[in-house]
Amino acid sequence: MLQAQLAAIESFGRGEPSDLSVITVPTLIANGDNDRMVPSVLSEELHQRISGSELVIYENSGLGGVFQYHEEFVPVLTKFLA
């Protein structure tokens, strides 16, 4: 069972990226520029692949950028949700 799961993960990892152009709802992408789990370059790629998306990158922050910069993020989020 474990070998089958590992094979599936390996196979998925080599697959083509999903077609994100089918996303038609407003999308907000927020990240820190020093995020080790989701590097900001991946957020930028996601932004390019989702038409009309909005990207916010917080400088000098990591994974918790939206928490570290909550005073800046909350107005951005509130405007986005309005």
PDB file of N, CA and C in Angstrom:
ATOM      1  N   MET A   1       0.827  -1.190   0.000  1.00  0.00           N
ATOM      2  CA  MET A   1       0.000   0.000   0.000  1.00  0.00           C
ATOM      3  C   MET A   1       0.873   1.256   0.000  1.00  0.00           C
ATOM      4  N   LEU A   2       1.903   1.273   0.835  1.00  0.00           N
ATOM      5  CA  LEU A   2       2.790   2.430   0.908  1.00  0.00           C
ATOM      6  C   LEU A   2       3.476   2.668  -0.437  1.00  0.00           C
ATOM      7  N   GLN A   3       3.922   1.593  -1.075  1.00  0.00           N
ATOM      8  CA  GLN A   3       4.595   1.733  -2.375  1.00  0.00           C
ATOM      9  C   GLN A   3       3.656   2.332  -3.419  1.00  0.00           C
ATOM     10  N   ALA A   4       2.384   1.936  -3.383  1.00  0.00           N
ATOM     11  CA  ALA A   4       1.400   2.478  -4.323  1.00  0.00           C
ATOM     12  C   ALA A   4       1.186   3.970  -4.087  1.00  0.00           C
ATOM     13  N   GLN A   5       1.136   4.363  -2.816  1.00  0.00           N
ATOM     14  CA  GLN A   5       0.961   5.777  -2.497  1.00  0.00           C
ATOM     15  C   GLN A   5       2.168   6.592  -2.950  1.00  0.00           C
ATOM     16  N   LEU A   6       3.367   6.075  -2.708  1.00  0.00           N
ATOM     17  CA  LEU A   6       4.575   6.774  -3.139  1.00  0.00           C
ATOM     18  C   LEU A   6       4.633   6.894  -4.655  1.00  0.00           C
ATOM     19  N   ALA A   7       4.231   5.842  -5.354  1.00  0.00           N
ATOM     20  CA  ALA A   7       4.199   5.876  -6.821  1.00  0.00           C
ATOM     21  C   ALA A   7       3.205   6.920  -7.317  1.00  0.00           C
ATOM     22  N   ALA A   8       2.060   7.020  -6.666  1.00  0.00           N
ATOM     23  CA  ALA A   8       1.046   8.008  -7.055  1.00  0.00           C
ATOM     24  C   ALA A   8       1.564   9.427  -6.821  1.00  0.00           C
ATOM     25  N   ILE A   9       2.227   9.645  -5.708  1.00  0.00           N
ATOM     26  CA  ILE A   9       2.786  10.964  -5.407  1.00  0.00           C
ATOM     27  C   ILE A   9       3.853  11.321  -6.432  1.00  0.00           C
ATOM     28  N   GLU A  10       4.716  10.376  -6.741  1.00  0.00           N
ATOM     29  CA  GLU A  10       5.767  10.615  -7.720  1.00  0.00           C
ATOM     30  C   GLU A  10       5.171  10.901  -9.095  1.00  0.00           C
ATOM     31  N   SER A  11       4.178  10.145  -9.489  1.00  0.00           N
ATOM     32  CA  SER A  11       3.521  10.339 -10.778  1.00  0.00           C
ATOM     33  C   SER A  11       2.844  11.703 -10.835  1.00  0.00           C
ATOM     34  N   PHE A  12       2.156  12.080  -9.768  1.00  0.00           N
ATOM     35  CA  PHE A  12       1.468  13.369  -9.727  1.00  0.00           C
ATOM     36  C   PHE A  12       2.467  14.517  -9.823  1.00  0.00           C
ATOM     37  N   GLY A  13       3.597  14.361  -9.170  1.00  0.00           N
ATOM     38  CA  GLY A  13       4.618  15.394  -9.175  1.00  0.00           C
ATOM     39  C   GLY A  13       5.195  15.659 -10.551  1.00  0.00           C
ATOM     40  N   ARG A  14       5.148  14.700 -11.427  1.00  0.00           N
ATOM     41  CA  ARG A  14       5.669  14.858 -12.787  1.00  0.00           C
ATOM     42  C   ARG A  14       4.599  15.293 -13.764  1.00  0.00           C
ATOM     43  N   GLY A  15       3.363  15.351 -13.312  1.00  0.00           N
ATOM     44  CA  GLY A  15       2.261  15.668 -14.207  1.00  0.00           C
ATOM     45  C   GLY A  15       2.257  17.122 -14.639  1.00  0.00           C
ATOM     46  N   GLU A  16       1.460  17.403 -15.663  1.00  0.00           N
ATOM     47  CA  GLU A  16       1.301  18.775 -16.128  1.00  0.00           C
ATOM     48  C   GLU A  16       0.620  19.600 -15.060  1.00  0.00           C
ATOM     49  N   PRO A  17       0.973  20.892 -14.963  1.00  0.00           N
ATOM     50  CA  PRO A  17       0.265  21.759 -14.014  1.00  0.00           C
ATOM     51  C   PRO A  17      -1.207  21.875 -14.409  1.00  0.00           C
ATOM     52  N   SER A  18      -2.047  21.997 -13.416  1.00  0.00           N
ATOM     53  CA  SER A  18      -3.476  22.139 -13.680  1.00  0.00           C
ATOM     54  C   SER A  18      -3.734  23.427 -14.452  1.00  0.00           C
ATOM     55  N   ASP A  19      -4.794  23.401 -15.259  1.00  0.00           N
ATOM     56  CA  ASP A  19      -5.189  24.580 -16.023  1.00  0.00           C
ATOM     57  C   ASP A  19      -5.960  25.516 -15.103  1.00  0.00           C
ATOM     58  N   LEU A  20      -5.290  26.515 -14.586  1.00  0.00           N
ATOM     59  CA  LEU A  20      -5.922  27.437 -13.649  1.00  0.00           C
ATOM     60  C   LEU A  20      -6.702  28.534 -14.356  1.00  0.00           C
ATOM     61  N   SER A  21      -6.647  28.561 -15.691  1.00  0.00           N
ATOM     62  CA  SER A  21      -7.408  29.571 -16.425  1.00  0.00           C
ATOM     63  C   SER A  21      -8.914  29.343 -16.298  1.00  0.00           C
ATOM     64  N   VAL A  22      -9.306  28.177 -15.808  1.00  0.00           N
ATOM     65  CA  VAL A  22     -10.737  27.897 -15.628  1.00  0.00           C
ATOM     66  C   VAL A  22     -11.294  28.580 -14.383  1.00  0.00           C
ATOM     67  N   ILE A  23     -10.426  29.119 -13.532  1.00  0.00           N
ATOM     68  CA  ILE A  23     -10.891  29.821 -12.339  1.00  0.00           C
ATOM     69  C   ILE A  23     -11.419  31.180 -12.766  1.00  0.00           C
ATOM     70  N   THR A  24     -12.682  31.431 -12.471  1.00  0.00           N
ATOM     71  CA  THR A  24     -13.316  32.672 -12.907  1.00  0.00           C
ATOM     72  C   THR A  24     -13.763  33.548 -11.742  1.00  0.00           C
ATOM     73  N   VAL A  25     -13.579  33.086 -10.535  1.00  0.00           N
ATOM     74  CA  VAL A  25     -13.960  33.883  -9.371  1.00  0.00           C
ATOM     75  C   VAL A  25     -12.799  34.784  -8.966  1.00  0.00           C
ATOM     76  N   PRO A  26     -13.079  35.922  -8.345  1.00  0.00           N
ATOM     77  CA  PRO A  26     -11.992  36.773  -7.873  1.00  0.00           C
ATOM     78  C   PRO A  26     -11.077  35.992  -6.929  1.00  0.00           C
ATOM     79  N   THR A  27      -9.780  36.183  -7.101  1.00  0.00           N
ATOM     80  CA  THR A  27      -8.798  35.419  -6.328  1.00  0.00           C
ATOM     81  C   THR A  27      -7.748  36.361  -5.760  1.00  0.00           C
ATOM     82  N   LEU A  28      -7.567  36.297  -4.452  1.00  0.00           N
ATOM     83  CA  LEU A  28      -6.534  37.077  -3.780  1.00  0.00           C
ATOM     84  C   LEU A  28      -5.432  36.125  -3.348  1.00  0.00           C
ATOM     85  N   ILE A  29      -4.213  36.437  -3.730  1.00  0.00           N
ATOM     86  CA  ILE A  29      -3.050  35.636  -3.370  1.00  0.00           C
ATOM     87  C   ILE A  29      -2.152  36.513  -2.509  1.00  0.00           C
ATOM     88  N   ALA A  30      -1.885  36.092  -1.284  1.00  0.00           N
ATOM     89  CA  ALA A  30      -1.044  36.866  -0.374  1.00  0.00           C
ATOM     90  C   ALA A  30       0.063  35.964   0.158  1.00  0.00           C
ATOM     91  N   ASN A  31       1.272  36.512   0.216  1.00  0.00           N
ATOM     92  CA  ASN A  31       2.415  35.714   0.622  1.00  0.00           C
ATOM     93  C   ASN A  31       3.505  36.626   1.166  1.00  0.00           C
ATOM     94  N   GLY A  32       4.431  36.037   1.890  1.00  0.00           N
ATOM     95  CA  GLY A  32       5.622  36.751   2.335  1.00  0.00           C
ATOM     96  C   GLY A  32       6.770  36.487   1.371  1.00  0.00           C
ATOM     97  N   ASP A  33       7.672  37.427   1.249  1.00  0.00           N
ATOM     98  CA  ASP A  33       8.765  37.252   0.288  1.00  0.00           C
ATOM     99  C   ASP A  33       9.846  36.287   0.773  1.00  0.00           C
ATOM    100  N   ASN A  34       9.767  35.863   2.033  1.00  0.00           N
ATOM    101  CA  ASN A  34      10.732  34.889   2.558  1.00  0.00           C
ATOM    102  C   ASN A  34      10.048  33.606   3.024  1.00  0.00           C
ATOM    103  N   ASP A  35       8.950  33.273   2.406  1.00  0.00           N
ATOM    104  CA  ASP A  35       8.204  32.066   2.766  1.00  0.00           C
ATOM    105  C   ASP A  35       8.947  30.845   2.243  1.00  0.00           C
ATOM    106  N   ARG A  36       9.358  29.967   3.129  1.00  0.00           N
ATOM    107  CA  ARG A  36      10.091  28.763   2.724  1.00  0.00           C
ATOM    108  C   ARG A  36       9.152  27.655   2.249  1.00  0.00           C
ATOM    109  N   MET A  37       7.928  27.636   2.758  1.00  0.00           N
ATOM    110  CA  MET A  37       6.995  26.568   2.380  1.00  0.00           C
ATOM    111  C   MET A  37       6.378  26.836   1.014  1.00  0.00           C
ATOM    112  N   VAL A  38       6.052  28.097   0.740  1.00  0.00           N
ATOM    113  CA  VAL A  38       5.495  28.494  -0.557  1.00  0.00           C
ATOM    114  C   VAL A  38       6.292  29.713  -1.025  1.00  0.00           C
ATOM    115  N   PRO A  39       7.406  29.482  -1.720  1.00  0.00           N
ATOM    116  CA  PRO A  39       8.225  30.601  -2.167  1.00  0.00           C
ATOM    117  C   PRO A  39       7.407  31.603  -2.991  1.00  0.00           C
ATOM    118  N   SER A  40       7.716  32.882  -2.834  1.00  0.00           N
ATOM    119  CA  SER A  40       6.930  33.918  -3.512  1.00  0.00           C
ATOM    120  C   SER A  40       6.943  33.766  -5.026  1.00  0.00           C
ATOM    121  N   VAL A  41       7.972  33.153  -5.576  1.00  0.00           N
ATOM    122  CA  VAL A  41       7.990  32.922  -7.026  1.00  0.00           C
ATOM    123  C   VAL A  41       6.825  32.018  -7.437  1.00  0.00           C
ATOM    124  N   LEU A  42       6.432  31.098  -6.567  1.00  0.00           N
ATOM    125  CA  LEU A  42       5.275  30.248  -6.871  1.00  0.00           C
ATOM    126  C   LEU A  42       3.975  31.032  -6.778  1.00  0.00           C
ATOM    127  N   SER A  43       3.919  31.979  -5.853  1.00  0.00           N
ATOM    128  CA  SER A  43       2.741  32.839  -5.771  1.00  0.00           C
ATOM    129  C   SER A  43       2.633  33.710  -7.020  1.00  0.00           C
ATOM    130  N   GLU A  44       3.762  34.197  -7.505  1.00  0.00           N
ATOM    131  CA  GLU A  44       3.769  34.999  -8.727  1.00  0.00           C
ATOM    132  C   GLU A  44       3.316  34.159  -9.923  1.00  0.00           C
ATOM    133  N   GLU A  45       3.768  32.910  -9.973  1.00  0.00           N
ATOM    134  CA  GLU A  45       3.339  32.009 -11.053  1.00  0.00           C
ATOM    135  C   GLU A  45       1.838  31.756 -10.963  1.00  0.00           C
ATOM    136  N   LEU A  46       1.337  31.531  -9.769  1.00  0.00           N
ATOM    137  CA  LEU A  46      -0.091  31.327  -9.557  1.00  0.00           C
ATOM    138  C   LEU A  46      -0.870  32.547 -10.034  1.00  0.00           C
ATOM    139  N   HIS A  47      -0.379  33.720  -9.701  1.00  0.00           N
ATOM    140  CA  HIS A  47      -1.008  34.973 -10.124  1.00  0.00           C
ATOM    141  C   HIS A  47      -1.068  35.068 -11.649  1.00  0.00           C
ATOM    142  N   GLN A  48       0.001  34.681 -12.306  1.00  0.00           N
ATOM    143  CA  GLN A  48       0.034  34.712 -13.774  1.00  0.00           C
ATOM    144  C   GLN A  48      -0.953  33.720 -14.388  1.00  0.00           C
ATOM    145  N   ARG A  49      -1.191  32.625 -13.704  1.00  0.00           N
ATOM    146  CA  ARG A  49      -2.037  31.560 -14.253  1.00  0.00           C
ATOM    147  C   ARG A  49      -3.518  31.730 -13.939  1.00  0.00           C
ATOM    148  N   ILE A  50      -3.853  32.629 -13.008  1.00  0.00           N
ATOM    149  CA  ILE A  50      -5.256  32.882 -12.675  1.00  0.00           C
ATOM    150  C   ILE A  50      -5.583  34.288 -13.158  1.00  0.00           C
ATOM    151  N   SER A  51      -6.310  34.362 -14.246  1.00  0.00           N
ATOM    152  CA  SER A  51      -6.644  35.639 -14.858  1.00  0.00           C
ATOM    153  C   SER A  51      -7.413  36.532 -13.881  1.00  0.00           C
ATOM    154  N   GLY A  52      -6.982  37.789 -13.796  1.00  0.00           N
ATOM    155  CA  GLY A  52      -7.657  38.744 -12.945  1.00  0.00           C
ATOM    156  C   GLY A  52      -7.367  38.605 -11.462  1.00  0.00           C
ATOM    157  N   SER A  53      -6.447  37.734 -11.095  1.00  0.00           N
ATOM    158  CA  SER A  53      -6.119  37.568  -9.676  1.00  0.00           C
ATOM    159  C   SER A  53      -5.358  38.785  -9.165  1.00  0.00           C
ATOM    160  N   GLU A  54      -5.363  38.935  -7.867  1.00  0.00           N
ATOM    161  CA  GLU A  54      -4.642  40.020  -7.211  1.00  0.00           C
ATOM    162  C   GLU A  54      -3.549  39.403  -6.344  1.00  0.00           C
ATOM    163  N   LEU A  55      -2.347  39.927  -6.453  1.00  0.00           N
ATOM    164  CA  LEU A  55      -1.207  39.400  -5.713  1.00  0.00           C
ATOM    165  C   LEU A  55      -0.667  40.451  -4.759  1.00  0.00           C
ATOM    166  N   VAL A  56      -0.466  40.053  -3.502  1.00  0.00           N
ATOM    167  CA  VAL A  56       0.132  40.916  -2.488  1.00  0.00           C
ATOM    168  C   VAL A  56       1.301  40.149  -1.874  1.00  0.00           C
ATOM    169  N   ILE A  57       2.491  40.725  -1.960  1.00  0.00           N
ATOM    170  CA  ILE A  57       3.686  40.129  -1.362  1.00  0.00           C
ATOM    171  C   ILE A  57       4.163  41.057  -0.242  1.00  0.00           C
ATOM    172  N   TYR A  58       4.303  40.505   0.959  1.00  0.00           N
ATOM    173  CA  TYR A  58       4.771  41.278   2.105  1.00  0.00           C
ATOM    174  C   TYR A  58       6.268  41.065   2.282  1.00  0.00           C
ATOM    175  N   GLU A  59       7.000  42.186   2.285  1.00  0.00           N
ATOM    176  CA  GLU A  59       8.458  42.126   2.401  1.00  0.00           C
ATOM    177  C   GLU A  59       8.889  41.727   3.810  1.00  0.00           C
ATOM    178  N   ASN A  60      10.005  41.049   3.862  1.00  0.00           N
ATOM    179  CA  ASN A  60      10.616  40.639   5.127  1.00  0.00           C
ATOM    180  C   ASN A  60       9.680  39.801   5.991  1.00  0.00           C
ATOM    181  N   SER A  61       8.910  38.949   5.352  1.00  0.00           N
ATOM    182  CA  SER A  61       8.032  38.059   6.121  1.00  0.00           C
ATOM    183  C   SER A  61       8.046  36.678   5.494  1.00  0.00           C
ATOM    184  N   GLY A  62       7.662  35.717   6.285  1.00  0.00           N
ATOM    185  CA  GLY A  62       7.645  34.346   5.816  1.00  0.00           C
ATOM    186  C   GLY A  62       6.233  33.835   5.657  1.00  0.00           C
ATOM    187  N   LEU A  63       6.027  32.610   6.098  1.00  0.00           N
ATOM    188  CA  LEU A  63       4.743  31.933   5.933  1.00  0.00           C
ATOM    189  C   LEU A  63       3.603  32.707   6.576  1.00  0.00           C
ATOM    190  N   GLY A  64       3.834  33.363   7.675  1.00  0.00           N
ATOM    191  CA  GLY A  64       2.781  34.075   8.382  1.00  0.00           C
ATOM    192  C   GLY A  64       2.695  35.546   8.030  1.00  0.00           C
ATOM    193  N   GLY A  65       3.014  35.906   6.800  1.00  0.00           N
ATOM    194  CA  GLY A  65       3.019  37.305   6.395  1.00  0.00           C
ATOM    195  C   GLY A  65       1.712  38.020   6.640  1.00  0.00           C
ATOM    196  N   VAL A  66       0.596  37.348   6.422  1.00  0.00           N
ATOM    197  CA  VAL A  66      -0.705  38.001   6.633  1.00  0.00           C
ATOM    198  C   VAL A  66      -0.963  38.250   8.110  1.00  0.00           C
ATOM    199  N   PHE A  67      -0.314  37.479   8.978  1.00  0.00           N
ATOM    200  CA  PHE A  67      -0.440  37.702  10.411  1.00  0.00           C
ATOM    201  C   PHE A  67       0.574  38.742  10.883  1.00  0.00           C
ATOM    202  N   GLN A  68       1.791  38.639  10.354  1.00  0.00           N
ATOM    203  CA  GLN A  68       2.841  39.579  10.708  1.00  0.00           C
ATOM    204  C   GLN A  68       2.462  41.000  10.280  1.00  0.00           C
ATOM    205  N   TYR A  69       1.823  41.107   9.124  1.00  0.00           N
ATOM    206  CA  TYR A  69       1.411  42.399   8.575  1.00  0.00           C
ATOM    207  C   TYR A  69      -0.109  42.532   8.583  1.00  0.00           C
ATOM    208  N   HIS A  70      -0.730  42.095   9.649  1.00  0.00           N
ATOM    209  CA  HIS A  70      -2.201  42.094   9.701  1.00  0.00           C
ATOM    210  C   HIS A  70      -2.803  43.490   9.563  1.00  0.00           C
ATOM    211  N   GLU A  71      -2.121  44.496  10.050  1.00  0.00           N
ATOM    212  CA  GLU A  71      -2.654  45.860   9.931  1.00  0.00           C
ATOM    213  C   GLU A  71      -2.714  46.317   8.474  1.00  0.00           C
ATOM    214  N   GLU A  72      -1.796  45.835   7.649  1.00  0.00           N
ATOM    215  CA  GLU A  72      -1.816  46.143   6.220  1.00  0.00           C
ATOM    216  C   GLU A  72      -2.732  45.193   5.456  1.00  0.00           C
ATOM    217  N   PHE A  73      -2.777  43.940   5.906  1.00  0.00           N
ATOM    218  CA  PHE A  73      -3.528  42.915   5.182  1.00  0.00           C
ATOM    219  C   PHE A  73      -5.041  43.052   5.346  1.00  0.00           C
ATOM    220  N   VAL A  74      -5.507  43.374   6.540  1.00  0.00           N
ATOM    221  CA  VAL A  74      -6.961  43.431   6.786  1.00  0.00           C
ATOM    222  C   VAL A  74      -7.660  44.420   5.850  1.00  0.00           C
ATOM    223  N   PRO A  75      -7.149  45.635   5.642  1.00  0.00           N
ATOM    224  CA  PRO A  75      -7.822  46.516   4.676  1.00  0.00           C
ATOM    225  C   PRO A  75      -7.812  45.977   3.245  1.00  0.00           C
ATOM    226  N   VAL A  76      -6.723  45.330   2.848  1.00  0.00           N
ATOM    227  CA  VAL A  76      -6.641  44.728   1.512  1.00  0.00           C
ATOM    228  C   VAL A  76      -7.704  43.639   1.388  1.00  0.00           C
ATOM    229  N   LEU A  77      -7.804  42.782   2.407  1.00  0.00           N
ATOM    230  CA  LEU A  77      -8.783  41.710   2.397  1.00  0.00           C
ATOM    231  C   LEU A  77     -10.207  42.250   2.422  1.00  0.00           C
ATOM    232  N   THR A  78     -10.439  43.267   3.243  1.00  0.00           N
ATOM    233  CA  THR A  78     -11.785  43.854   3.339  1.00  0.00           C
ATOM    234  C   THR A  78     -12.207  44.443   1.994  1.00  0.00           C
ATOM    235  N   LYS A  79     -11.303  45.157   1.341  1.00  0.00           N
ATOM    236  CA  LYS A  79     -11.593  45.728   0.010  1.00  0.00           C
ATOM    237  C   LYS A  79     -11.849  44.607  -0.999  1.00  0.00           C
ATOM    238  N   PHE A  80     -11.043  43.556  -0.941  1.00  0.00           N
ATOM    239  CA  PHE A  80     -11.199  42.444  -1.872  1.00  0.00           C
ATOM    240  C   PHE A  80     -12.564  41.762  -1.691  1.00  0.00           C
ATOM    241  N   LEU A  81     -12.986  41.596  -0.455  1.00  0.00           N
ATOM    242  CA  LEU A  81     -14.248  40.909  -0.176  1.00  0.00           C
ATOM    243  C   LEU A  81     -15.486  41.789  -0.406  1.00  0.00           C
ATOM    244  N   ALA A  82     -15.285  43.103  -0.497  1.00  0.00           N
ATOM    245  CA  ALA A  82     -16.427  44.018  -0.617  1.00  0.00           C
ATOM    246  C   ALA A  82     -17.159  43.889  -1.934  1.00  0.00           C
TER     247      ALA A  82
END
